[in-house]
Amino acid sequence: MTENNVATRVESVFAEVFGNRLPFSRELTRADQEYWSSLKHMEFLVALEAEFGIRFDGADAVDMQSIATVIDRIAERAA
């Protein structure tokens, strides 16, 4: 699975979870967005797990604080 394919699917999941509240960008980070709360973060990770058929652990949840990191982590696991 290519990084662009992963990014497209992450963007789709992001839109489902956050709707129009946040603009999707690879540069987007949780620290920059008040709406990307810890609850929304968990909802996002669970939706990503369902989309990609992978599981994240607690360390992933802590590390995956930006869209770029999310894409990288998924691309590593889906390879």
N, C-alpha and C. Protein backbone atom coordinates (compact mmCIF):
# COMPACT_ATOMS: atom_id res chain seq x y z
N MET A 1 0.85 -1.17 0.00
CA MET A 1 0.00 0.00 0.00
C MET A 1 0.90 1.24 0.00
N THR A 2 0.64 2.13 -0.92
CA THR A 2 1.47 3.33 -1.03
C THR A 2 1.07 4.35 0.03
N GLU A 3 2.00 5.27 0.30
CA GLU A 3 1.73 6.32 1.27
C GLU A 3 0.56 7.20 0.81
N ASN A 4 0.46 7.45 -0.50
CA ASN A 4 -0.65 8.26 -1.01
C ASN A 4 -1.98 7.55 -0.81
N ASN A 5 -1.99 6.23 -1.00
CA ASN A 5 -3.21 5.45 -0.77
C ASN A 5 -3.61 5.52 0.70
N VAL A 6 -2.62 5.37 1.59
CA VAL A 6 -2.88 5.47 3.02
C VAL A 6 -3.42 6.87 3.34
N ALA A 7 -2.80 7.90 2.80
CA ALA A 7 -3.22 9.28 3.09
C ALA A 7 -4.66 9.52 2.63
N THR A 8 -5.03 8.99 1.49
CA THR A 8 -6.39 9.16 0.98
C THR A 8 -7.40 8.51 1.91
N ARG A 9 -7.08 7.32 2.38
CA ARG A 9 -7.99 6.61 3.28
C ARG A 9 -8.03 7.28 4.65
N VAL A 10 -6.89 7.78 5.14
CA VAL A 10 -6.86 8.51 6.42
C VAL A 10 -7.72 9.77 6.30
N GLU A 11 -7.62 10.46 5.18
CA GLU A 11 -8.42 11.67 4.98
C GLU A 11 -9.92 11.35 5.02
N SER A 12 -10.30 10.23 4.44
CA SER A 12 -11.70 9.81 4.45
C SER A 12 -12.19 9.54 5.88
N VAL A 13 -11.38 8.82 6.66
CA VAL A 13 -11.73 8.54 8.05
C VAL A 13 -11.76 9.83 8.85
N PHE A 14 -10.80 10.70 8.62
CA PHE A 14 -10.74 11.99 9.30
C PHE A 14 -12.03 12.78 9.08
N ALA A 15 -12.50 12.80 7.83
CA ALA A 15 -13.72 13.53 7.49
C ALA A 15 -14.93 12.92 8.20
N GLU A 16 -14.97 11.60 8.33
CA GLU A 16 -16.07 10.95 9.04
C GLU A 16 -16.09 11.35 10.52
N VAL A 17 -14.92 11.39 11.12
CA VAL A 17 -14.82 11.67 12.56
C VAL A 17 -14.97 13.16 12.87
N PHE A 18 -14.30 14.00 12.11
CA PHE A 18 -14.25 15.44 12.41
C PHE A 18 -15.21 16.28 11.56
N GLY A 19 -15.76 15.70 10.52
CA GLY A 19 -16.66 16.46 9.65
C GLY A 19 -15.97 17.68 9.08
N ASN A 20 -16.68 18.77 9.05
CA ASN A 20 -16.13 20.03 8.51
C ASN A 20 -15.47 20.87 9.59
N ARG A 21 -15.37 20.34 10.79
CA ARG A 21 -14.84 21.12 11.91
C ARG A 21 -13.34 21.40 11.78
N LEU A 22 -12.61 20.48 11.13
CA LEU A 22 -11.17 20.66 10.96
C LEU A 22 -10.78 20.42 9.51
N PRO A 23 -9.91 21.26 8.97
CA PRO A 23 -9.42 21.04 7.60
C PRO A 23 -8.34 19.95 7.61
N PHE A 24 -8.43 19.00 6.71
CA PHE A 24 -7.43 17.93 6.65
C PHE A 24 -6.15 18.47 6.01
N SER A 25 -5.03 18.18 6.65
CA SER A 25 -3.72 18.57 6.15
C SER A 25 -2.68 17.67 6.80
N ARG A 26 -1.67 17.30 6.07
CA ARG A 26 -0.60 16.48 6.64
C ARG A 26 0.13 17.22 7.76
N GLU A 27 0.07 18.53 7.77
CA GLU A 27 0.74 19.34 8.78
C GLU A 27 -0.10 19.52 10.05
N LEU A 28 -1.34 19.10 10.02
CA LEU A 28 -2.24 19.28 11.15
C LEU A 28 -1.78 18.47 12.37
N THR A 29 -1.80 19.12 13.55
CA THR A 29 -1.45 18.44 14.79
C THR A 29 -2.54 18.67 15.83
N ARG A 30 -2.63 17.75 16.79
CA ARG A 30 -3.60 17.89 17.87
C ARG A 30 -3.37 19.17 18.66
N ALA A 31 -2.12 19.51 18.87
CA ALA A 31 -1.79 20.68 19.69
C ALA A 31 -2.35 21.97 19.08
N ASP A 32 -2.52 21.97 17.77
CA ASP A 32 -3.00 23.17 17.08
C ASP A 32 -4.52 23.31 17.07
N GLN A 33 -5.23 22.23 17.45
CA GLN A 33 -6.68 22.21 17.28
C GLN A 33 -7.40 21.82 18.56
N GLU A 34 -8.14 22.73 19.12
CA GLU A 34 -8.88 22.47 20.35
C GLU A 34 -9.95 21.39 20.13
N TYR A 35 -10.54 21.34 18.94
CA TYR A 35 -11.61 20.36 18.67
C TYR A 35 -11.07 18.93 18.63
N TRP A 36 -9.76 18.76 18.36
CA TRP A 36 -9.17 17.42 18.33
C TRP A 36 -8.85 17.03 19.77
N SER A 37 -9.89 16.79 20.53
CA SER A 37 -9.80 16.46 21.95
C SER A 37 -9.34 15.01 22.13
N SER A 38 -9.10 14.64 23.38
CA SER A 38 -8.69 13.26 23.65
C SER A 38 -9.79 12.28 23.26
N LEU A 39 -11.04 12.66 23.46
CA LEU A 39 -12.15 11.79 23.07
C LEU A 39 -12.21 11.65 21.55
N LYS A 40 -12.08 12.74 20.83
CA LYS A 40 -12.07 12.69 19.37
C LYS A 40 -10.86 11.91 18.86
N HIS A 41 -9.74 12.04 19.56
CA HIS A 41 -8.53 11.31 19.18
C HIS A 41 -8.79 9.80 19.25
N MET A 42 -9.40 9.35 20.33
CA MET A 42 -9.70 7.92 20.47
C MET A 42 -10.70 7.47 19.42
N GLU A 43 -11.70 8.30 19.16
CA GLU A 43 -12.68 7.97 18.12
C GLU A 43 -11.99 7.84 16.76
N PHE A 44 -11.06 8.74 16.48
CA PHE A 44 -10.29 8.72 15.23
C PHE A 44 -9.46 7.44 15.14
N LEU A 45 -8.76 7.09 16.21
CA LEU A 45 -7.92 5.88 16.20
C LEU A 45 -8.75 4.62 16.02
N VAL A 46 -9.89 4.54 16.68
CA VAL A 46 -10.77 3.36 16.54
C VAL A 46 -11.28 3.26 15.10
N ALA A 47 -11.64 4.38 14.52
CA ALA A 47 -12.11 4.39 13.12
C ALA A 47 -10.98 3.98 12.17
N LEU A 48 -9.75 4.41 12.46
CA LEU A 48 -8.61 4.02 11.64
C LEU A 48 -8.34 2.52 11.77
N GLU A 49 -8.45 2.00 12.98
CA GLU A 49 -8.27 0.55 13.18
C GLU A 49 -9.27 -0.23 12.33
N ALA A 50 -10.52 0.21 12.31
CA ALA A 50 -11.54 -0.46 11.53
C ALA A 50 -11.26 -0.35 10.03
N GLU A 51 -10.84 0.81 9.59
CA GLU A 51 -10.56 1.04 8.17
C GLU A 51 -9.40 0.19 7.66
N PHE A 52 -8.34 0.11 8.46
CA PHE A 52 -7.12 -0.55 8.00
C PHE A 52 -6.94 -1.97 8.55
N GLY A 53 -7.81 -2.40 9.44
CA GLY A 53 -7.70 -3.74 10.00
C GLY A 53 -6.45 -3.94 10.82
N ILE A 54 -6.05 -2.89 11.54
CA ILE A 54 -4.86 -2.95 12.41
C ILE A 54 -5.26 -2.51 13.81
N ARG A 55 -4.38 -2.74 14.78
CA ARG A 55 -4.63 -2.34 16.16
C ARG A 55 -3.51 -1.40 16.60
N PHE A 56 -3.88 -0.40 17.37
CA PHE A 56 -2.93 0.53 17.96
C PHE A 56 -2.86 0.26 19.45
N ASP A 57 -1.68 0.46 20.05
CA ASP A 57 -1.55 0.32 21.49
C ASP A 57 -1.47 1.71 22.12
N GLY A 58 -1.30 1.74 23.43
CA GLY A 58 -1.25 3.02 24.14
C GLY A 58 -0.14 3.93 23.67
N ALA A 59 1.02 3.33 23.35
CA ALA A 59 2.14 4.13 22.86
C ALA A 59 1.79 4.79 21.53
N ASP A 60 1.08 4.06 20.67
CA ASP A 60 0.64 4.64 19.40
C ASP A 60 -0.27 5.84 19.65
N ALA A 61 -1.21 5.67 20.56
CA ALA A 61 -2.16 6.75 20.85
C ALA A 61 -1.44 8.00 21.31
N VAL A 62 -0.39 7.83 22.08
CA VAL A 62 0.39 8.97 22.57
C VAL A 62 1.23 9.58 21.44
N ASP A 63 1.83 8.74 20.61
CA ASP A 63 2.72 9.21 19.55
C ASP A 63 1.98 9.83 18.36
N MET A 64 0.79 9.34 18.07
CA MET A 64 0.09 9.74 16.85
C MET A 64 -0.66 11.05 17.06
N GLN A 65 0.09 12.12 17.19
CA GLN A 65 -0.46 13.43 17.51
C GLN A 65 -0.54 14.36 16.31
N SER A 66 -0.19 13.85 15.14
CA SER A 66 -0.27 14.65 13.91
C SER A 66 -0.71 13.74 12.77
N ILE A 67 -1.25 14.34 11.74
CA ILE A 67 -1.68 13.57 10.58
C ILE A 67 -0.47 12.91 9.91
N ALA A 68 0.64 13.60 9.84
CA ALA A 68 1.84 13.01 9.23
C ALA A 68 2.27 11.75 9.98
N THR A 69 2.25 11.79 11.29
CA THR A 69 2.62 10.61 12.09
C THR A 69 1.61 9.49 11.91
N VAL A 70 0.33 9.83 11.85
CA VAL A 70 -0.71 8.83 11.63
C VAL A 70 -0.45 8.11 10.31
N ILE A 71 -0.22 8.86 9.25
CA ILE A 71 0.02 8.26 7.93
C ILE A 71 1.27 7.39 7.96
N ASP A 72 2.34 7.88 8.55
CA ASP A 72 3.59 7.11 8.64
C ASP A 72 3.40 5.81 9.40
N ARG A 73 2.73 5.88 10.54
CA ARG A 73 2.54 4.69 11.38
C ARG A 73 1.70 3.64 10.66
N ILE A 74 0.65 4.08 9.99
CA ILE A 74 -0.19 3.13 9.26
C ILE A 74 0.56 2.54 8.07
N ALA A 75 1.29 3.37 7.34
CA ALA A 75 2.06 2.88 6.19
C ALA A 75 3.08 1.82 6.63
N GLU A 76 3.70 2.02 7.79
CA GLU A 76 4.66 1.03 8.33
C GLU A 76 3.97 -0.30 8.60
N ARG A 77 2.79 -0.25 9.19
CA ARG A 77 2.08 -1.47 9.59
C ARG A 77 1.41 -2.17 8.42
N ALA A 78 1.00 -1.38 7.42
CA ALA A 78 0.27 -1.95 6.30
C ALA A 78 1.22 -2.48 5.22
N ALA A 79 2.50 -2.23 5.39
CA ALA A 79 3.48 -2.65 4.37
C ALA A 79 3.67 -4.15 4.34
